[in-house]
């Protein structure tokens, strides 16, 4: 089994409840957002960054519920945050 590293933009994984970050993980996300905001204000505007949440969790169940029985590949590309059980936090250049 070959282990590959995650993206350099990856920072953390947070739990999701009903499309929102779980209250136990809010401090993690808030801390990342504060650091990104402070860096954007302090440094060159040409190198601004932003925080993005990418939904993770079971996909096939939600795909069949939305698109019909046997249509299990509907969310292979991305999972809406409203259906996610957790989310990866990324910081990208704008």
N, C-alpha and C. Protein backbone atom coordinates (compact mmCIF):
# COMPACT_ATOMS: atom_id res chain seq x y z
N UNK A 1 0.85 -1.18 0.00
CA UNK A 1 0.00 0.00 0.00
C UNK A 1 0.88 1.23 0.00
N UNK A 2 0.68 2.08 -0.95
CA UNK A 2 1.45 3.31 -1.05
C UNK A 2 0.70 4.43 -0.33
N UNK A 3 1.39 5.11 0.57
CA UNK A 3 0.77 6.21 1.31
C UNK A 3 1.22 7.51 0.67
N UNK A 4 0.25 8.32 0.29
CA UNK A 4 0.58 9.62 -0.29
C UNK A 4 0.20 10.71 0.69
N UNK A 5 0.91 11.82 0.62
CA UNK A 5 0.61 12.92 1.52
C UNK A 5 -0.60 13.69 1.01
N UNK A 6 -1.23 14.39 1.92
CA UNK A 6 -2.37 15.21 1.56
C UNK A 6 -1.89 16.47 0.83
N UNK A 7 -2.82 17.21 0.35
CA UNK A 7 -2.54 18.49 -0.29
C UNK A 7 -1.84 19.42 0.68
N UNK A 8 -0.98 20.28 0.18
CA UNK A 8 -0.33 21.27 1.05
C UNK A 8 -1.33 22.29 1.56
N UNK A 9 -2.50 22.36 0.95
CA UNK A 9 -3.53 23.30 1.38
C UNK A 9 -4.38 22.76 2.53
N UNK A 10 -4.26 21.46 2.82
CA UNK A 10 -5.05 20.83 3.88
C UNK A 10 -4.59 21.30 5.26
N UNK A 11 -5.56 21.60 6.15
CA UNK A 11 -5.23 22.02 7.51
C UNK A 11 -5.83 21.12 8.58
N UNK A 12 -7.08 20.71 8.44
CA UNK A 12 -7.73 19.95 9.51
C UNK A 12 -8.99 19.29 8.98
N UNK A 13 -9.55 18.41 9.80
CA UNK A 13 -10.86 17.82 9.53
C UNK A 13 -11.77 18.17 10.69
N UNK A 14 -12.98 18.64 10.37
CA UNK A 14 -13.95 19.02 11.40
C UNK A 14 -15.22 18.20 11.23
N UNK A 15 -15.94 18.01 12.32
CA UNK A 15 -17.22 17.29 12.28
C UNK A 15 -18.32 18.25 11.83
N UNK A 16 -19.31 17.68 11.13
CA UNK A 16 -20.44 18.47 10.64
C UNK A 16 -21.73 17.92 11.23
N UNK A 17 -22.67 18.83 11.58
CA UNK A 17 -23.99 18.46 12.07
C UNK A 17 -25.00 19.34 11.33
N UNK A 18 -25.88 18.72 10.56
CA UNK A 18 -26.92 19.45 9.81
C UNK A 18 -26.34 20.58 8.96
N UNK A 19 -25.24 20.31 8.27
CA UNK A 19 -24.66 21.28 7.36
C UNK A 19 -23.83 22.37 8.01
N UNK A 20 -23.61 22.28 9.32
CA UNK A 20 -22.82 23.28 10.02
C UNK A 20 -21.71 22.58 10.80
N UNK A 21 -20.64 23.32 11.06
CA UNK A 21 -19.54 22.77 11.83
C UNK A 21 -20.01 22.50 13.25
N UNK A 22 -19.69 21.33 13.78
CA UNK A 22 -20.05 20.94 15.14
C UNK A 22 -19.46 21.94 16.14
N UNK A 23 -20.21 22.24 17.19
CA UNK A 23 -19.77 23.23 18.18
C UNK A 23 -18.44 22.86 18.80
N UNK A 24 -18.11 21.57 18.86
CA UNK A 24 -16.82 21.14 19.44
C UNK A 24 -15.65 21.49 18.54
N UNK A 25 -15.90 21.63 17.24
CA UNK A 25 -14.83 21.93 16.29
C UNK A 25 -14.83 23.38 15.82
N UNK A 26 -15.81 24.17 16.23
CA UNK A 26 -15.84 25.57 15.82
C UNK A 26 -14.57 26.34 16.19
N UNK A 27 -14.00 26.13 17.40
CA UNK A 27 -12.76 26.86 17.72
C UNK A 27 -11.62 26.57 16.75
N UNK A 28 -11.54 25.36 16.24
CA UNK A 28 -10.50 25.02 15.27
C UNK A 28 -10.67 25.84 14.01
N UNK A 29 -11.89 25.82 13.47
CA UNK A 29 -12.17 26.56 12.23
C UNK A 29 -12.03 28.06 12.45
N UNK A 30 -12.54 28.56 13.56
CA UNK A 30 -12.43 30.00 13.85
C UNK A 30 -10.97 30.43 13.93
N UNK A 31 -10.12 29.60 14.55
CA UNK A 31 -8.71 29.92 14.67
C UNK A 31 -8.03 30.00 13.31
N UNK A 32 -8.34 29.06 12.43
CA UNK A 32 -7.77 29.08 11.08
C UNK A 32 -8.23 30.32 10.33
N UNK A 33 -9.51 30.66 10.44
CA UNK A 33 -10.05 31.84 9.76
C UNK A 33 -9.40 33.13 10.27
N UNK A 34 -9.18 33.21 11.57
CA UNK A 34 -8.56 34.41 12.14
C UNK A 34 -7.14 34.58 11.62
N UNK A 35 -6.37 33.49 11.59
CA UNK A 35 -4.99 33.56 11.09
C UNK A 35 -4.97 33.98 9.62
N UNK A 36 -5.85 33.38 8.81
CA UNK A 36 -5.91 33.73 7.39
C UNK A 36 -6.29 35.20 7.22
N UNK A 37 -7.27 35.66 7.99
CA UNK A 37 -7.70 37.05 7.89
C UNK A 37 -6.57 38.01 8.29
N UNK A 38 -5.87 37.68 9.38
CA UNK A 38 -4.77 38.54 9.82
C UNK A 38 -3.65 38.58 8.77
N UNK A 39 -3.34 37.44 8.18
CA UNK A 39 -2.31 37.41 7.14
C UNK A 39 -2.74 38.20 5.91
N UNK A 40 -4.01 38.08 5.53
CA UNK A 40 -4.50 38.84 4.38
C UNK A 40 -4.41 40.34 4.62
N UNK A 41 -4.67 40.77 5.84
CA UNK A 41 -4.61 42.20 6.16
C UNK A 41 -3.18 42.70 6.29
N UNK A 42 -2.27 41.84 6.75
CA UNK A 42 -0.91 42.27 7.04
C UNK A 42 0.03 42.22 5.83
N UNK A 43 -0.25 41.33 4.89
CA UNK A 43 0.68 41.13 3.78
C UNK A 43 0.10 41.57 2.46
N UNK A 44 0.90 41.41 1.42
CA UNK A 44 0.56 41.84 0.07
C UNK A 44 -0.80 41.29 -0.38
N UNK A 45 -1.60 42.16 -0.95
CA UNK A 45 -2.95 41.76 -1.39
C UNK A 45 -2.91 40.82 -2.59
N UNK A 46 -1.77 40.72 -3.27
CA UNK A 46 -1.66 39.83 -4.43
C UNK A 46 -1.60 38.37 -4.00
N UNK A 47 -1.30 38.11 -2.73
CA UNK A 47 -1.17 36.74 -2.24
C UNK A 47 -2.24 36.42 -1.19
N UNK A 48 -3.45 36.86 -1.42
CA UNK A 48 -4.54 36.63 -0.47
C UNK A 48 -4.94 35.16 -0.46
N UNK A 49 -5.44 34.70 0.67
CA UNK A 49 -5.86 33.31 0.84
C UNK A 49 -7.32 33.26 1.30
N UNK A 50 -7.93 32.09 1.16
CA UNK A 50 -9.29 31.89 1.66
C UNK A 50 -9.43 30.48 2.20
N UNK A 51 -10.40 30.29 3.09
CA UNK A 51 -10.66 29.01 3.74
C UNK A 51 -11.83 28.33 3.03
N UNK A 52 -11.65 27.05 2.71
CA UNK A 52 -12.71 26.29 2.04
C UNK A 52 -12.96 24.99 2.78
N UNK A 53 -14.23 24.66 2.98
CA UNK A 53 -14.61 23.37 3.56
C UNK A 53 -15.04 22.44 2.42
N UNK A 54 -14.51 21.23 2.43
CA UNK A 54 -14.87 20.22 1.43
C UNK A 54 -15.56 19.07 2.14
N UNK A 55 -16.84 18.85 1.85
CA UNK A 55 -17.63 17.84 2.53
C UNK A 55 -17.13 16.43 2.32
N UNK A 56 -17.16 15.64 3.39
CA UNK A 56 -16.75 14.23 3.35
C UNK A 56 -17.82 13.38 4.05
N UNK A 57 -17.86 12.12 3.72
CA UNK A 57 -18.80 11.21 4.36
C UNK A 57 -19.40 10.25 3.36
N UNK A 58 -20.41 9.46 3.79
CA UNK A 58 -21.02 8.48 2.89
C UNK A 58 -21.74 9.17 1.73
N UNK A 59 -21.47 8.69 0.53
CA UNK A 59 -22.02 9.34 -0.66
C UNK A 59 -23.13 8.54 -1.32
N UNK A 60 -22.97 7.23 -1.38
CA UNK A 60 -23.90 6.39 -2.14
C UNK A 60 -25.32 6.49 -1.60
N UNK A 61 -25.48 6.49 -0.28
CA UNK A 61 -26.81 6.55 0.33
C UNK A 61 -27.52 7.84 -0.09
N UNK A 62 -26.81 8.95 -0.02
CA UNK A 62 -27.41 10.24 -0.38
C UNK A 62 -27.68 10.33 -1.88
N UNK A 63 -26.80 9.75 -2.67
CA UNK A 63 -26.98 9.77 -4.12
C UNK A 63 -28.23 9.00 -4.52
N UNK A 64 -28.42 7.80 -3.94
CA UNK A 64 -29.62 7.02 -4.26
C UNK A 64 -30.88 7.72 -3.78
N UNK A 65 -30.82 8.37 -2.64
CA UNK A 65 -31.99 9.08 -2.12
C UNK A 65 -32.38 10.23 -3.05
N UNK A 66 -31.40 10.91 -3.62
CA UNK A 66 -31.69 12.06 -4.47
C UNK A 66 -31.98 11.67 -5.91
N UNK A 67 -31.22 10.71 -6.47
CA UNK A 67 -31.31 10.42 -7.90
C UNK A 67 -31.99 9.09 -8.25
N UNK A 68 -32.33 8.29 -7.23
CA UNK A 68 -33.03 7.03 -7.49
C UNK A 68 -32.17 5.80 -7.25
N UNK A 69 -32.85 4.69 -7.05
CA UNK A 69 -32.18 3.42 -6.75
C UNK A 69 -31.20 3.06 -7.87
N UNK A 70 -30.01 2.63 -7.47
CA UNK A 70 -28.99 2.26 -8.43
C UNK A 70 -28.12 3.41 -8.90
N UNK A 71 -28.47 4.61 -8.55
CA UNK A 71 -27.69 5.80 -8.97
C UNK A 71 -26.77 6.20 -7.82
N UNK A 72 -25.73 5.39 -7.60
CA UNK A 72 -24.87 5.54 -6.43
C UNK A 72 -23.68 6.46 -6.68
N UNK A 73 -23.48 6.94 -7.88
CA UNK A 73 -22.27 7.71 -8.19
C UNK A 73 -22.52 9.21 -8.27
N UNK A 74 -23.65 9.68 -7.80
CA UNK A 74 -24.02 11.08 -7.96
C UNK A 74 -23.14 12.08 -7.24
N UNK A 75 -22.53 11.69 -6.14
CA UNK A 75 -21.71 12.62 -5.37
C UNK A 75 -20.25 12.21 -5.36
N UNK A 76 -19.78 11.54 -6.41
CA UNK A 76 -18.38 11.14 -6.46
C UNK A 76 -17.44 12.34 -6.52
N UNK A 77 -17.86 13.40 -7.19
CA UNK A 77 -17.00 14.58 -7.36
C UNK A 77 -16.94 15.40 -6.08
N UNK A 78 -18.06 15.70 -5.50
CA UNK A 78 -18.08 16.49 -4.26
C UNK A 78 -19.36 16.17 -3.50
N UNK A 79 -19.29 16.35 -2.19
CA UNK A 79 -20.44 16.09 -1.33
C UNK A 79 -20.89 17.41 -0.72
N UNK A 80 -22.14 17.81 -0.92
CA UNK A 80 -22.62 19.06 -0.32
C UNK A 80 -22.45 19.06 1.19
N UNK A 81 -22.11 20.20 1.77
CA UNK A 81 -21.88 20.29 3.21
C UNK A 81 -23.12 19.88 4.00
N UNK A 82 -24.30 20.10 3.47
CA UNK A 82 -25.52 19.74 4.15
C UNK A 82 -25.68 18.24 4.34
N UNK A 83 -24.97 17.43 3.53
CA UNK A 83 -25.04 15.98 3.63
C UNK A 83 -23.79 15.39 4.27
N UNK A 84 -22.79 16.20 4.52
CA UNK A 84 -21.50 15.72 5.02
C UNK A 84 -21.55 15.38 6.50
N UNK A 85 -20.81 14.34 6.89
CA UNK A 85 -20.65 13.99 8.30
C UNK A 85 -19.42 14.67 8.88
N UNK A 86 -18.48 15.03 8.02
CA UNK A 86 -17.31 15.79 8.42
C UNK A 86 -16.80 16.54 7.19
N UNK A 87 -15.89 17.47 7.40
CA UNK A 87 -15.37 18.27 6.29
C UNK A 87 -13.89 18.51 6.48
N UNK A 88 -13.17 18.51 5.38
CA UNK A 88 -11.76 18.87 5.41
C UNK A 88 -11.65 20.36 5.20
N UNK A 89 -10.73 20.98 5.95
CA UNK A 89 -10.51 22.43 5.87
C UNK A 89 -9.26 22.66 5.03
N UNK A 90 -9.41 23.46 3.99
CA UNK A 90 -8.28 23.81 3.10
C UNK A 90 -8.11 25.32 3.10
N UNK A 91 -6.86 25.77 2.94
CA UNK A 91 -6.57 27.19 2.77
C UNK A 91 -5.89 27.33 1.41
N UNK A 92 -6.56 28.06 0.50
CA UNK A 92 -6.08 28.22 -0.87
C UNK A 92 -5.70 29.67 -1.14
N UNK A 93 -4.84 29.84 -2.18
CA UNK A 93 -4.57 31.19 -2.68
C UNK A 93 -5.74 31.65 -3.51
N UNK A 94 -6.09 32.91 -3.38
CA UNK A 94 -7.19 33.47 -4.16
C UNK A 94 -6.74 33.74 -5.56
